[in-house]
Amino acid sequence: TTSEAVLTLHKVSRQEPNSPTAKALPAQEKSVVLHM
């Protein structure tokens, strides 16, 4: 923007491969926003 740089970090959390929900649940994305 004119006054800052905004960085959005995405981290995908995956289910354990042998977990019973591994195929039932999609990977979830967590976001963090940093402002400089």
PDB file of all heavy atoms in Angstrom:
ATOM      1  N   THR A   1       0.862  -1.174   0.000  1.00  0.00           N
ATOM      2  CA  THR A   1       0.000   0.000   0.000  1.00  0.00           C
ATOM      3  C   THR A   1       0.901   1.227   0.000  1.00  0.00           C
ATOM      4  O   THR A   1       2.128   1.101  -0.022  1.00  0.00           O
ATOM      5  CB  THR A   1      -0.922   0.020   1.243  1.00  0.00           C
ATOM      6  OG1 THR A   1      -0.150   0.325   2.407  1.00  0.00           O
ATOM      7  CG2 THR A   1      -1.639  -1.315   1.433  1.00  0.00           C
ATOM      8  N   THR A   2       0.333   2.406   0.065  1.00  0.00           N
ATOM      9  CA  THR A   2       1.181   3.598   0.097  1.00  0.00           C
ATOM     10  C   THR A   2       1.931   3.733   1.414  1.00  0.00           C
ATOM     11  O   THR A   2       2.965   4.388   1.464  1.00  0.00           O
ATOM     12  CB  THR A   2       0.361   4.885  -0.141  1.00  0.00           C
ATOM     13  OG1 THR A   2      -0.707   4.931   0.799  1.00  0.00           O
ATOM     14  CG2 THR A   2      -0.184   4.944  -1.554  1.00  0.00           C
ATOM     15  N   SER A   3       1.452   3.096   2.487  1.00  0.00           N
ATOM     16  CA  SER A   3       2.076   3.306   3.787  1.00  0.00           C
ATOM     17  C   SER A   3       2.695   2.069   4.420  1.00  0.00           C
ATOM     18  O   SER A   3       3.358   2.183   5.445  1.00  0.00           O
ATOM     19  CB  SER A   3       1.045   3.891   4.761  1.00  0.00           C
ATOM     20  OG  SER A   3      -0.026   2.975   4.940  1.00  0.00           O
ATOM     21  N   GLU A   4       2.471   0.878   3.827  1.00  0.00           N
ATOM     22  CA  GLU A   4       3.015  -0.314   4.463  1.00  0.00           C
ATOM     23  C   GLU A   4       3.105  -1.483   3.495  1.00  0.00           C
ATOM     24  O   GLU A   4       2.506  -1.483   2.421  1.00  0.00           O
ATOM     25  CB  GLU A   4       2.178  -0.713   5.680  1.00  0.00           C
ATOM     26  CG  GLU A   4       0.792  -1.200   5.348  1.00  0.00           C
ATOM     27  CD  GLU A   4      -0.033  -1.571   6.578  1.00  0.00           C
ATOM     28  OE1 GLU A   4       0.539  -1.859   7.642  1.00  0.00           O
ATOM     29  OE2 GLU A   4      -1.258  -1.577   6.462  1.00  0.00           O
ATOM     30  N   ALA A   5       3.873  -2.481   3.925  1.00  0.00           N
ATOM     31  CA  ALA A   5       3.931  -3.771   3.248  1.00  0.00           C
ATOM     32  C   ALA A   5       3.225  -4.763   4.169  1.00  0.00           C
ATOM     33  O   ALA A   5       3.554  -4.863   5.353  1.00  0.00           O
ATOM     34  CB  ALA A   5       5.372  -4.196   3.017  1.00  0.00           C
ATOM     35  N   VAL A   6       2.228  -5.449   3.631  1.00  0.00           N
ATOM     36  CA  VAL A   6       1.464  -6.425   4.407  1.00  0.00           C
ATOM     37  C   VAL A   6       1.798  -7.805   3.861  1.00  0.00           C
ATOM     38  O   VAL A   6       1.575  -8.086   2.688  1.00  0.00           O
ATOM     39  CB  VAL A   6      -0.052  -6.147   4.316  1.00  0.00           C
ATOM     40  CG1 VAL A   6      -0.832  -7.172   5.130  1.00  0.00           C
ATOM     41  CG2 VAL A   6      -0.366  -4.723   4.769  1.00  0.00           C
ATOM     42  N   LEU A   7       2.338  -8.643   4.717  1.00  0.00           N
ATOM     43  CA  LEU A   7       2.767  -9.985   4.337  1.00  0.00           C
ATOM     44  C   LEU A   7       1.812 -10.984   4.970  1.00  0.00           C
ATOM     45  O   LEU A   7       1.643 -11.010   6.186  1.00  0.00           O
ATOM     46  CB  LEU A   7       4.196 -10.216   4.826  1.00  0.00           C
ATOM     47  CG  LEU A   7       4.909 -11.451   4.354  1.00  0.00           C
ATOM     48  CD1 LEU A   7       5.091 -11.434   2.838  1.00  0.00           C
ATOM     49  CD2 LEU A   7       6.271 -11.550   5.028  1.00  0.00           C
ATOM     50  N   THR A   8       1.160 -11.791   4.136  1.00  0.00           N
ATOM     51  CA  THR A   8       0.267 -12.846   4.611  1.00  0.00           C
ATOM     52  C   THR A   8       0.971 -14.174   4.404  1.00  0.00           C
ATOM     53  O   THR A   8       1.275 -14.547   3.266  1.00  0.00           O
ATOM     54  CB  THR A   8      -1.067 -12.829   3.833  1.00  0.00           C
ATOM     55  OG1 THR A   8      -1.640 -11.542   3.941  1.00  0.00           O
ATOM     56  CG2 THR A   8      -2.037 -13.845   4.392  1.00  0.00           C
ATOM     57  N   LEU A   9       1.264 -14.848   5.500  1.00  0.00           N
ATOM     58  CA  LEU A   9       1.947 -16.140   5.450  1.00  0.00           C
ATOM     59  C   LEU A   9       0.906 -17.250   5.519  1.00  0.00           C
ATOM     60  O   LEU A   9      -0.019 -17.193   6.330  1.00  0.00           O
ATOM     61  CB  LEU A   9       2.910 -16.284   6.623  1.00  0.00           C
ATOM     62  CG  LEU A   9       3.957 -15.189   6.781  1.00  0.00           C
ATOM     63  CD1 LEU A   9       4.708 -15.358   8.085  1.00  0.00           C
ATOM     64  CD2 LEU A   9       4.906 -15.211   5.610  1.00  0.00           C
ATOM     65  N   HIS A  10       1.064 -18.260   4.685  1.00  0.00           N
ATOM     66  CA  HIS A  10       0.151 -19.400   4.658  1.00  0.00           C
ATOM     67  C   HIS A  10       0.912 -20.639   5.077  1.00  0.00           C
ATOM     68  O   HIS A  10       1.958 -20.940   4.525  1.00  0.00           O
ATOM     69  CB  HIS A  10      -0.404 -19.636   3.251  1.00  0.00           C
ATOM     70  CG  HIS A  10      -1.016 -18.420   2.645  1.00  0.00           C
ATOM     71  ND1 HIS A  10      -2.234 -17.923   3.037  1.00  0.00           N
ATOM     72  CD2 HIS A  10      -0.563 -17.583   1.692  1.00  0.00           C
ATOM     73  CE1 HIS A  10      -2.511 -16.840   2.340  1.00  0.00           C
ATOM     74  NE2 HIS A  10      -1.505 -16.612   1.513  1.00  0.00           N
ATOM     75  N   LYS A  11       0.365 -21.334   6.030  1.00  0.00           N
ATOM     76  CA  LYS A  11       0.975 -22.583   6.463  1.00  0.00           C
ATOM     77  C   LYS A  11      -0.103 -23.649   6.413  1.00  0.00           C
ATOM     78  O   LYS A  11      -1.141 -23.524   7.039  1.00  0.00           O
ATOM     79  CB  LYS A  11       1.522 -22.446   7.883  1.00  0.00           C
ATOM     80  CG  LYS A  11       2.290 -23.649   8.351  1.00  0.00           C
ATOM     81  CD  LYS A  11       2.921 -23.391   9.699  1.00  0.00           C
ATOM     82  CE  LYS A  11       3.811 -24.543  10.096  1.00  0.00           C
ATOM     83  NZ  LYS A  11       4.418 -24.315  11.395  1.00  0.00           N
ATOM     84  N   VAL A  12       0.143 -24.689   5.642  1.00  0.00           N
ATOM     85  CA  VAL A  12      -0.824 -25.772   5.498  1.00  0.00           C
ATOM     86  C   VAL A  12      -0.523 -26.827   6.542  1.00  0.00           C
ATOM     87  O   VAL A  12       0.599 -27.295   6.660  1.00  0.00           O
ATOM     88  CB  VAL A  12      -0.765 -26.376   4.078  1.00  0.00           C
ATOM     89  CG1 VAL A  12      -1.715 -27.546   3.959  1.00  0.00           C
ATOM     90  CG2 VAL A  12      -1.083 -25.309   3.048  1.00  0.00           C
ATOM     91  N   SER A  13      -1.553 -27.164   7.320  1.00  0.00           N
ATOM     92  CA  SER A  13      -1.389 -28.255   8.292  1.00  0.00           C
ATOM     93  C   SER A  13      -2.038 -29.498   7.712  1.00  0.00           C
ATOM     94  O   SER A  13      -3.161 -29.468   7.239  1.00  0.00           O
ATOM     95  CB  SER A  13      -2.020 -27.869   9.635  1.00  0.00           C
ATOM     96  OG  SER A  13      -3.411 -27.676   9.479  1.00  0.00           O
ATOM     97  N   ARG A  14      -1.331 -30.574   7.721  1.00  0.00           N
ATOM     98  CA  ARG A  14      -1.798 -31.832   7.128  1.00  0.00           C
ATOM     99  C   ARG A  14      -2.148 -32.824   8.235  1.00  0.00           C
ATOM    100  O   ARG A  14      -1.552 -32.811   9.311  1.00  0.00           O
ATOM    101  CB  ARG A  14      -0.711 -32.421   6.235  1.00  0.00           C
ATOM    102  CG  ARG A  14      -0.261 -31.461   5.162  1.00  0.00           C
ATOM    103  CD  ARG A  14      -0.406 -32.134   3.828  1.00  0.00           C
ATOM    104  NE  ARG A  14       0.045 -31.231   2.785  1.00  0.00           N
ATOM    105  CZ  ARG A  14      -0.764 -30.685   1.900  1.00  0.00           C
ATOM    106  NH1 ARG A  14      -2.035 -30.911   1.937  1.00  0.00           N
ATOM    107  NH2 ARG A  14      -0.302 -29.894   0.966  1.00  0.00           N
ATOM    108  N   GLN A  15      -3.077 -33.696   7.932  1.00  0.00           N
ATOM    109  CA  GLN A  15      -3.435 -34.775   8.852  1.00  0.00           C
ATOM    110  C   GLN A  15      -2.332 -35.835   8.805  1.00  0.00           C
ATOM    111  O   GLN A  15      -1.650 -35.999   7.800  1.00  0.00           O
ATOM    112  CB  GLN A  15      -4.771 -35.404   8.423  1.00  0.00           C
ATOM    113  CG  GLN A  15      -5.927 -34.438   8.395  1.00  0.00           C
ATOM    114  CD  GLN A  15      -6.349 -34.007   9.777  1.00  0.00           C
ATOM    115  OE1 GLN A  15      -6.194 -34.754  10.742  1.00  0.00           O
ATOM    116  NE2 GLN A  15      -6.838 -32.799   9.894  1.00  0.00           N
ATOM    117  N   GLU A  16      -2.173 -36.548   9.864  1.00  0.00           N
ATOM    118  CA  GLU A  16      -1.246 -37.684   9.873  1.00  0.00           C
ATOM    119  C   GLU A  16      -1.709 -38.688   8.816  1.00  0.00           C
ATOM    120  O   GLU A  16      -2.904 -38.986   8.730  1.00  0.00           O
ATOM    121  CB  GLU A  16      -1.212 -38.350  11.256  1.00  0.00           C
ATOM    122  CG  GLU A  16      -0.550 -37.495  12.318  1.00  0.00           C
ATOM    123  CD  GLU A  16       0.914 -37.275  12.033  1.00  0.00           C
ATOM    124  OE1 GLU A  16       1.598 -38.202  11.553  1.00  0.00           O
ATOM    125  OE2 GLU A  16       1.390 -36.163  12.286  1.00  0.00           O
ATOM    126  N   PRO A  17      -0.786 -39.246   8.003  1.00  0.00           N
ATOM    127  CA  PRO A  17      -1.202 -40.134   6.922  1.00  0.00           C
ATOM    128  C   PRO A  17      -1.961 -41.368   7.393  1.00  0.00           C
ATOM    129  O   PRO A  17      -2.801 -41.882   6.687  1.00  0.00           O
ATOM    130  CB  PRO A  17       0.107 -40.507   6.226  1.00  0.00           C
ATOM    131  CG  PRO A  17       1.204 -40.045   7.094  1.00  0.00           C
ATOM    132  CD  PRO A  17       0.643 -39.050   8.062  1.00  0.00           C
ATOM    133  N   ASN A  18      -1.687 -41.880   8.596  1.00  0.00           N
ATOM    134  CA  ASN A  18      -2.360 -43.087   9.070  1.00  0.00           C
ATOM    135  C   ASN A  18      -3.582 -42.776   9.913  1.00  0.00           C
ATOM    136  O   ASN A  18      -4.204 -43.684  10.449  1.00  0.00           O
ATOM    137  CB  ASN A  18      -1.376 -43.960   9.866  1.00  0.00           C
ATOM    138  CG  ASN A  18      -0.247 -44.446   8.983  1.00  0.00           C
ATOM    139  OD1 ASN A  18      -0.441 -44.665   7.792  1.00  0.00           O
ATOM    140  ND2 ASN A  18       0.932 -44.609   9.566  1.00  0.00           N
ATOM    141  N   SER A  19      -3.915 -41.513  10.043  1.00  0.00           N
ATOM    142  CA  SER A  19      -5.071 -41.113  10.828  1.00  0.00           C
ATOM    143  C   SER A  19      -6.352 -41.527  10.104  1.00  0.00           C
ATOM    144  O   SER A  19      -6.434 -41.471   8.883  1.00  0.00           O
ATOM    145  CB  SER A  19      -5.048 -39.595  11.015  1.00  0.00           C
ATOM    146  OG  SER A  19      -6.308 -39.134  11.416  1.00  0.00           O
ATOM    147  N   PRO A  20      -7.394 -41.941  10.850  1.00  0.00           N
ATOM    148  CA  PRO A  20      -8.646 -42.320  10.199  1.00  0.00           C
ATOM    149  C   PRO A  20      -9.312 -41.153   9.465  1.00  0.00           C
ATOM    150  O   PRO A  20     -10.107 -41.363   8.567  1.00  0.00           O
ATOM    151  CB  PRO A  20      -9.541 -42.808  11.346  1.00  0.00           C
ATOM    152  CG  PRO A  20      -8.800 -42.605  12.603  1.00  0.00           C
ATOM    153  CD  PRO A  20      -7.422 -42.152  12.281  1.00  0.00           C
ATOM    154  N   THR A  21      -8.977 -39.938   9.842  1.00  0.00           N
ATOM    155  CA  THR A  21      -9.577 -38.774   9.182  1.00  0.00           C
ATOM    156  C   THR A  21      -8.715 -38.206   8.072  1.00  0.00           C
ATOM    157  O   THR A  21      -9.071 -37.223   7.455  1.00  0.00           O
ATOM    158  CB  THR A  21      -9.845 -37.654  10.212  1.00  0.00           C
ATOM    159  OG1 THR A  21      -8.599 -37.269  10.802  1.00  0.00           O
ATOM    160  CG2 THR A  21     -10.831 -38.101  11.271  1.00  0.00           C
ATOM    161  N   ALA A  22      -7.585 -38.834   7.785  1.00  0.00           N
ATOM    162  CA  ALA A  22      -6.639 -38.280   6.815  1.00  0.00           C
ATOM    163  C   ALA A  22      -7.274 -38.058   5.454  1.00  0.00           C
ATOM    164  O   ALA A  22      -7.030 -37.047   4.813  1.00  0.00           O
ATOM    165  CB  ALA A  22      -5.415 -39.184   6.682  1.00  0.00           C
ATOM    166  N   LYS A  23      -8.076 -38.971   4.989  1.00  0.00           N
ATOM    167  CA  LYS A  23      -8.689 -38.807   3.675  1.00  0.00           C
ATOM    168  C   LYS A  23     -10.017 -38.062   3.759  1.00  0.00           C
ATOM    169  O   LYS A  23     -10.480 -37.500   2.791  1.00  0.00           O
ATOM    170  CB  LYS A  23      -8.880 -40.165   3.015  1.00  0.00           C
ATOM    171  CG  LYS A  23      -7.549 -40.791   2.689  1.00  0.00           C
ATOM    172  CD  LYS A  23      -7.686 -42.023   1.865  1.00  0.00           C
ATOM    173  CE  LYS A  23      -6.301 -42.620   1.770  1.00  0.00           C
ATOM    174  NZ  LYS A  23      -5.914 -43.210   0.638  1.00  0.00           N
ATOM    175  N   ALA A  24     -10.630 -38.073   4.926  1.00  0.00           N
ATOM    176  CA  ALA A  24     -11.931 -37.430   5.083  1.00  0.00           C
ATOM    177  C   ALA A  24     -11.806 -35.924   5.226  1.00  0.00           C
ATOM    178  O   ALA A  24     -12.694 -35.191   4.813  1.00  0.00           O
ATOM    179  CB  ALA A  24     -12.650 -38.009   6.295  1.00  0.00           C
ATOM    180  N   LEU A  25     -10.719 -35.456   5.817  1.00  0.00           N
ATOM    181  CA  LEU A  25     -10.558 -34.022   6.066  1.00  0.00           C
ATOM    182  C   LEU A  25      -9.487 -33.442   5.162  1.00  0.00           C
ATOM    183  O   LEU A  25      -8.390 -33.979   5.092  1.00  0.00           O
ATOM    184  CB  LEU A  25     -10.166 -33.772   7.528  1.00  0.00           C
ATOM    185  CG  LEU A  25     -11.198 -34.156   8.578  1.00  0.00           C
ATOM    186  CD1 LEU A  25     -10.618 -33.950   9.955  1.00  0.00           C
ATOM    187  CD2 LEU A  25     -12.473 -33.344   8.404  1.00  0.00           C
ATOM    188  N   PRO A  26      -9.780 -32.326   4.481  1.00  0.00           N
ATOM    189  CA  PRO A  26      -8.756 -31.696   3.647  1.00  0.00           C
ATOM    190  C   PRO A  26      -7.726 -30.991   4.529  1.00  0.00           C
ATOM    191  O   PRO A  26      -7.945 -30.732   5.702  1.00  0.00           O
ATOM    192  CB  PRO A  26      -9.561 -30.676   2.831  1.00  0.00           C
ATOM    193  CG  PRO A  26     -10.751 -30.366   3.688  1.00  0.00           C
ATOM    194  CD  PRO A  26     -11.052 -31.629   4.451  1.00  0.00           C
ATOM    195  N   ALA A  27      -6.592 -30.680   3.920  1.00  0.00           N
ATOM    196  CA  ALA A  27      -5.560 -29.922   4.630  1.00  0.00           C
ATOM    197  C   ALA A  27      -6.130 -28.557   4.987  1.00  0.00           C
ATOM    198  O   ALA A  27      -6.909 -27.973   4.237  1.00  0.00           O
ATOM    199  CB  ALA A  27      -4.330 -29.764   3.752  1.00  0.00           C
ATOM    200  N   GLN A  28      -5.767 -28.054   6.156  1.00  0.00           N
ATOM    201  CA  GLN A  28      -6.261 -26.758   6.600  1.00  0.00           C
ATOM    202  C   GLN A  28      -5.149 -25.732   6.470  1.00  0.00           C
ATOM    203  O   GLN A  28      -4.001 -26.011   6.789  1.00  0.00           O
ATOM    204  CB  GLN A  28      -6.742 -26.833   8.041  1.00  0.00           C
ATOM    205  CG  GLN A  28      -7.949 -27.736   8.197  1.00  0.00           C
ATOM    206  CD  GLN A  28      -8.436 -27.761   9.633  1.00  0.00           C
ATOM    207  OE1 GLN A  28      -7.829 -27.196  10.520  1.00  0.00           O
ATOM    208  NE2 GLN A  28      -9.553 -28.432   9.852  1.00  0.00           N
ATOM    209  N   GLU A  29      -5.516 -24.552   6.008  1.00  0.00           N
ATOM    210  CA  GLU A  29      -4.536 -23.490   5.826  1.00  0.00           C
ATOM    211  C   GLU A  29      -4.688 -22.470   6.947  1.00  0.00           C
ATOM    212  O   GLU A  29      -5.781 -22.007   7.237  1.00  0.00           O
ATOM    213  CB  GLU A  29      -4.755 -22.815   4.473  1.00  0.00           C
ATOM    214  CG  GLU A  29      -3.660 -21.845   4.129  1.00  0.00           C
ATOM    215  CD  GLU A  29      -3.810 -21.328   2.717  1.00  0.00           C
ATOM    216  OE1 GLU A  29      -3.507 -22.074   1.782  1.00  0.00           O
ATOM    217  OE2 GLU A  29      -4.227 -20.165   2.575  1.00  0.00           O
ATOM    218  N   LYS A  30      -3.582 -22.153   7.590  1.00  0.00           N
ATOM    219  CA  LYS A  30      -3.563 -21.123   8.619  1.00  0.00           C
ATOM    220  C   LYS A  30      -2.843 -19.916   8.033  1.00  0.00           C
ATOM    221  O   LYS A  30      -1.841 -20.061   7.352  1.00  0.00           O
ATOM    222  CB  LYS A  30      -2.818 -21.614   9.860  1.00  0.00           C
ATOM    223  CG  LYS A  30      -3.464 -22.804  10.530  1.00  0.00           C
ATOM    224  CD  LYS A  30      -2.631 -23.256  11.711  1.00  0.00           C
ATOM    225  CE  LYS A  30      -3.229 -24.494  12.333  1.00  0.00           C
ATOM    226  NZ  LYS A  30      -2.431 -25.000  13.436  1.00  0.00           N
ATOM    227  N   SER A  31      -3.364 -18.743   8.307  1.00  0.00           N
ATOM    228  CA  SER A  31      -2.734 -17.529   7.792  1.00  0.00           C
ATOM    229  C   SER A  31      -2.330 -16.629   8.941  1.00  0.00           C
ATOM    230  O   SER A  31      -3.017 -16.559   9.955  1.00  0.00           O
ATOM    231  CB  SER A  31      -3.703 -16.760   6.883  1.00  0.00           C
ATOM    232  OG  SER A  31      -3.970 -17.492   5.729  1.00  0.00           O
ATOM    233  N   VAL A  32      -1.221 -15.972   8.761  1.00  0.00           N
ATOM    234  CA  VAL A  32      -0.728 -14.975   9.695  1.00  0.00           C
ATOM    235  C   VAL A  32      -0.408 -13.739   8.885  1.00  0.00           C
ATOM    236  O   VAL A  32       0.133 -13.830   7.780  1.00  0.00           O
ATOM    237  CB  VAL A  32       0.537 -15.481  10.433  1.00  0.00           C
ATOM    238  CG1 VAL A  32       1.155 -14.389  11.271  1.00  0.00           C
ATOM    239  CG2 VAL A  32       0.207 -16.686  11.278  1.00  0.00           C
ATOM    240  N   VAL A  33      -0.751 -12.591   9.423  1.00  0.00           N
ATOM    241  CA  VAL A  33      -0.513 -11.331   8.726  1.00  0.00           C
ATOM    242  C   VAL A  33       0.520 -10.525   9.502  1.00  0.00           C
ATOM    243  O   VAL A  33       0.383 -10.337  10.717  1.00  0.00           O
ATOM    244  CB  VAL A  33      -1.824 -10.528   8.577  1.00  0.00           C
ATOM    245  CG1 VAL A  33      -1.565  -9.208   7.888  1.00  0.00           C
ATOM    246  CG2 VAL A  33      -2.864 -11.335   7.830  1.00  0.00           C
ATOM    247  N   LEU A  34       1.568 -10.075   8.808  1.00  0.00           N
ATOM    248  CA  LEU A  34       2.585  -9.202   9.388  1.00  0.00           C
ATOM    249  C   LEU A  34       2.566  -7.879   8.636  1.00  0.00           C
ATOM    250  O   LEU A  34       2.432  -7.850   7.415  1.00  0.00           O
ATOM    251  CB  LEU A  34       3.975  -9.833   9.278  1.00  0.00           C
ATOM    252  CG  LEU A  34       4.194 -11.138  10.033  1.00  0.00           C
ATOM    253  CD1 LEU A  34       5.546 -11.732   9.677  1.00  0.00           C
ATOM    254  CD2 LEU A  34       4.093 -10.914  11.528  1.00  0.00           C
ATOM    255  N   HIS A  35       2.692  -6.787   9.371  1.00  0.00           N
ATOM    256  CA  HIS A  35       2.694  -5.445   8.781  1.00  0.00           C
ATOM    257  C   HIS A  35       4.060  -4.806   8.994  1.00  0.00           C
ATOM    258  O   HIS A  35       4.578  -4.822  10.103  1.00  0.00           O
ATOM    259  CB  HIS A  35       1.642  -4.557   9.455  1.00  0.00           C
ATOM    260  CG  HIS A  35       0.242  -5.038   9.283  1.00  0.00           C
ATOM    261  ND1 HIS A  35      -0.604  -4.506   8.350  1.00  0.00           N
ATOM    262  CD2 HIS A  35      -0.460  -6.013   9.916  1.00  0.00           C
ATOM    263  CE1 HIS A  35      -1.771  -5.112   8.420  1.00  0.00           C
ATOM    264  NE2 HIS A  35      -1.711  -6.038   9.359  1.00  0.00           N
ATOM    265  N   MET A  36       4.638  -4.254   7.936  1.00  0.00           N
ATOM    266  CA  MET A  36       5.882  -3.503   8.047  1.00  0.00           C
ATOM    267  C   MET A  36       5.587  -2.079   7.569  1.00  0.00           C
ATOM    268  O   MET A  36       5.249  -1.869   6.407  1.00  0.00           O
ATOM    269  CB  MET A  36       6.993  -4.119   7.201  1.00  0.00           C
ATOM    270  CG  MET A  36       8.319  -3.391   7.382  1.00  0.00           C
ATOM    271  SD  MET A  36       9.696  -4.176   6.517  1.00  0.00           S
ATOM    272  CE  MET A  36       9.395  -3.611   4.864  1.00  0.00           C
TER     273      MET A  36
END
